[in-house]
Protein backbone atom coordinates (compact mmCIF):
# COMPACT_ATOMS: atom_id res chain seq x y z
CA MET A 1 -27.59 32.87 -32.69
CA THR A 2 -25.89 32.46 -29.35
CA SER A 3 -25.85 36.04 -28.19
CA ALA A 4 -27.95 37.49 -25.43
CA ASP A 5 -31.50 38.57 -25.94
CA PRO A 6 -32.32 41.16 -23.28
CA HIS A 7 -36.03 40.48 -23.68
CA HIS A 8 -35.88 36.70 -23.20
CA PRO A 9 -33.72 35.63 -20.28
CA GLU A 10 -32.18 32.17 -20.38
CA GLU A 11 -33.91 29.66 -18.16
CA PRO A 12 -31.78 27.30 -16.10
CA ARG A 13 -31.26 24.01 -17.89
CA ALA A 14 -32.45 20.79 -16.29
CA GLY A 15 -29.65 18.86 -14.67
CA THR A 16 -27.25 21.81 -14.24
CA THR A 17 -25.79 22.50 -10.87
CA THR A 18 -23.75 25.34 -9.49
CA VAL A 19 -20.40 24.34 -8.02
CA GLY A 20 -19.34 26.88 -5.42
CA PRO A 21 -20.15 30.56 -5.35
CA ALA A 22 -20.22 32.72 -8.46
CA PRO A 23 -16.82 34.22 -9.28
CA TYR A 24 -18.50 37.61 -9.61
CA ASP A 25 -21.93 38.75 -8.47
CA GLU A 26 -23.10 42.34 -8.01
CA ARG A 27 -26.39 44.22 -7.77
CA LEU A 28 -26.36 47.72 -9.25
CA TRP A 29 -28.29 49.38 -6.42
CA PRO A 30 -28.77 53.14 -6.60
CA GLY A 31 -26.54 55.32 -4.49
CA PRO A 32 -27.72 57.50 -1.61
CA GLY A 33 -29.14 60.07 -4.04
CA GLY A 34 -31.42 57.50 -5.65
CA TRP A 35 -32.78 56.31 -2.33
CA ALA A 36 -33.22 59.94 -1.23
CA ALA A 37 -35.22 60.63 -4.40
CA VAL A 38 -37.60 57.75 -3.61
CA LEU A 39 -38.14 58.94 -0.06
CA GLY A 40 -38.26 62.58 -1.19
CA PHE A 41 -41.09 61.78 -3.59
CA ALA A 42 -43.00 60.11 -0.77
CA ALA A 43 -42.46 63.25 1.34
CA VAL A 44 -43.82 65.43 -1.49
CA VAL A 45 -46.92 63.20 -1.62
CA LEU A 46 -47.28 63.60 2.15
CA VAL A 47 -47.05 67.41 1.97
CA ALA A 48 -49.44 67.59 -1.00
CA LEU A 49 -52.13 65.51 0.71
CA LEU A 50 -51.68 66.79 4.27
CA PRO A 51 -54.16 69.70 3.89
CA VAL A 52 -56.79 67.32 2.51
CA GLU A 53 -56.72 64.60 5.21
CA PRO A 54 -53.70 63.98 7.49
CA ARG A 55 -54.34 60.25 8.01
CA LEU A 56 -54.84 59.70 4.29
CA ALA A 57 -51.68 61.69 3.58
CA VAL A 58 -49.60 59.50 5.90
CA ALA A 59 -51.09 56.29 4.46
CA VAL A 60 -50.59 57.30 0.83
CA ALA A 61 -47.07 58.63 1.49
CA GLY A 62 -46.16 55.38 3.25
CA ALA A 63 -47.55 53.34 0.38
CA THR A 64 -45.68 55.54 -2.09
CA ALA A 65 -42.42 54.93 -0.21
CA VAL A 66 -42.99 51.17 -0.14
CA VAL A 67 -43.88 51.04 -3.85
CA GLY A 68 -40.83 53.17 -4.68
CA VAL A 69 -38.47 50.90 -2.73
CA VAL A 70 -39.98 47.79 -4.34
CA LEU A 71 -39.65 49.31 -7.83
CA VAL A 72 -36.01 50.18 -7.19
CA ALA A 73 -35.33 46.67 -5.89
CA VAL A 74 -37.03 45.02 -8.86
CA THR A 75 -35.29 47.18 -11.46
CA ALA A 76 -31.74 47.08 -10.00
CA PRO A 77 -29.89 44.85 -12.46
CA ARG A 78 -27.65 42.01 -11.39
CA VAL A 79 -24.24 41.49 -12.99
CA ARG A 80 -22.91 37.97 -12.64
CA VAL A 81 -20.17 35.77 -14.09
CA ALA A 82 -20.73 32.09 -13.40
CA GLU A 83 -20.90 28.74 -15.18
CA GLY A 84 -19.29 30.19 -18.31
CA VAL A 85 -21.86 32.95 -18.75
CA LEU A 86 -21.86 36.71 -18.28
CA ARG A 87 -25.25 37.94 -17.14
CA ALA A 88 -26.00 41.65 -17.09
CA GLY A 89 -29.59 42.54 -16.28
CA ARG A 90 -31.85 40.19 -18.22
CA ALA A 91 -29.27 39.49 -20.95
CA HIS A 92 -26.65 36.76 -21.02
CA ILE A 93 -23.80 35.63 -23.24
CA PRO A 94 -21.29 32.77 -22.96
CA VAL A 95 -17.84 34.11 -22.01
CA GLY A 96 -16.36 32.00 -24.81
CA LEU A 97 -17.93 34.44 -27.28
CA LEU A 98 -16.26 37.44 -25.66
CA GLY A 99 -12.88 39.04 -26.26
CA VAL A 100 -10.59 40.71 -23.77
CA PRO A 101 -12.51 42.99 -21.37
CA ALA A 102 -11.37 46.57 -20.75
CA VAL A 103 -11.97 48.52 -17.54
CA LEU A 104 -13.49 51.97 -18.05
CA ASP A 105 -13.64 54.87 -15.62
CA ARG A 106 -16.36 57.55 -15.77
CA ASP A 107 -14.65 59.34 -18.68
CA GLY A 108 -14.19 56.06 -20.54
CA VAL A 109 -17.86 55.23 -20.08
CA ARG A 110 -18.84 58.68 -21.37
CA GLU A 111 -16.67 58.14 -24.44
CA ALA A 112 -18.02 54.61 -25.02
CA LEU A 113 -21.61 55.91 -24.92
CA GLY A 114 -20.94 59.23 -26.66
CA PRO A 115 -20.92 60.36 -30.27
CA GLY A 116 -19.48 57.76 -32.57
CA SER A 117 -20.52 54.84 -30.38
CA ASP A 118 -22.12 51.85 -32.06
CA ALA A 119 -25.87 51.78 -31.46
CA ARG A 120 -25.81 47.97 -31.70
CA ALA A 121 -23.76 47.64 -28.51
CA TYR A 122 -25.51 46.12 -25.52
CA ALA A 123 -25.38 48.43 -22.50
CA CYS A 124 -26.33 47.49 -18.97
CA PHE A 125 -25.57 51.00 -17.80
CA ARG A 126 -26.46 52.86 -14.62
CA SER A 127 -25.44 56.52 -14.43
CA TRP A 128 -24.89 56.37 -10.67
CA VAL A 129 -22.16 53.74 -11.09
CA ALA A 130 -18.85 55.34 -12.12
CA GLY A 131 -17.03 52.33 -13.57
CA ALA A 132 -17.77 49.79 -16.26
CA VAL A 133 -16.28 47.00 -18.32
CA GLU A 134 -16.41 46.97 -22.11
CA VAL A 135 -16.12 43.55 -23.73
CA PRO A 136 -15.98 42.89 -27.47
CA VAL A 137 -18.21 40.13 -28.82
CA THR A 138 -16.17 37.77 -31.00
CA ASP A 139 -19.07 35.73 -32.41
CA PRO A 140 -19.25 36.64 -36.14
CA ALA A 141 -22.95 35.70 -36.22
CA ASP A 142 -23.80 38.17 -33.44
CA PRO A 143 -24.69 41.69 -34.61
CA THR A 144 -23.82 43.09 -31.16
CA PRO A 145 -20.21 44.35 -31.36
CA THR A 146 -19.61 44.97 -27.65
CA TRP A 147 -21.12 44.79 -24.20
CA LEU A 148 -20.81 47.75 -21.84
CA VAL A 149 -21.59 46.71 -18.27
CA SER A 150 -21.64 49.10 -15.31
CA SER A 151 -19.86 47.92 -12.18
CA ARG A 152 -18.73 49.41 -8.89
CA ARG A 153 -15.86 46.88 -9.03
CA PRO A 154 -14.88 46.86 -12.73
CA GLU A 155 -11.40 45.38 -12.09
CA ASP A 156 -13.00 42.43 -10.26
CA LEU A 157 -15.51 41.94 -13.09
CA ARG A 158 -12.70 41.99 -15.66
CA GLU A 159 -10.69 39.45 -13.65
CA ALA A 160 -13.74 37.18 -13.25
CA LEU A 161 -14.36 37.26 -17.01
CA LEU A 162 -10.71 36.48 -17.77
CA ALA A 163 -10.64 33.67 -15.19
CA GLU A 164 -13.81 32.13 -16.63
CA GLN A 165 -12.40 32.40 -20.17
CA ARG A 166 -9.17 30.68 -19.04
CA ARG A 167 -11.16 27.98 -17.26
CA GLN A 168 -13.18 27.29 -20.40
CA ALA A 169 -10.08 27.26 -22.58
CA ALA A 170 -8.39 24.74 -20.24
CA HIS A 171 -11.53 22.60 -20.22
CA SER A 172 -11.67 22.66 -24.04
CA GLU A 173 -8.03 21.59 -24.25
CA GLN A 174 -8.69 18.66 -21.93
CA ILE A 175 -11.62 17.53 -24.06
CA GLY A 176 -9.84 18.13 -27.39
């Protein structure tokens, strides 16, 4: 099966090189509210421990803030289109196995994830990101019908996918 496995990321193949920058590359960092929640939790830890021992409270709150920032950084997924592959979080799929991508706004995302949605769809979704791209999977051997990928720049992601698909189609015609 050639579809993405979100639990086993693809390793770079020996001998492959990247030519130029990726056509699309984005990190789905949290918005201001997410960062405020991390720092707010550290402040709660500070206030809770302050009556016990002020120096300990400051040290533990500082460590809590650092750990929170590191956890956010480690868990913020990357969305990338390059070298004929769409990567969203830890999953990947060749763009040649994808259909025409559709841009979704917040309401479209809600509908795509709501009642009647297919539980087999792959979703790299972050609630703090309003837009997304939904792409059908055209590989008949793949049980995943669609990919839903959050993006702050869904039009750019759609265009990068289409450009990569056109590039691959042109390359296939040259070979064939």
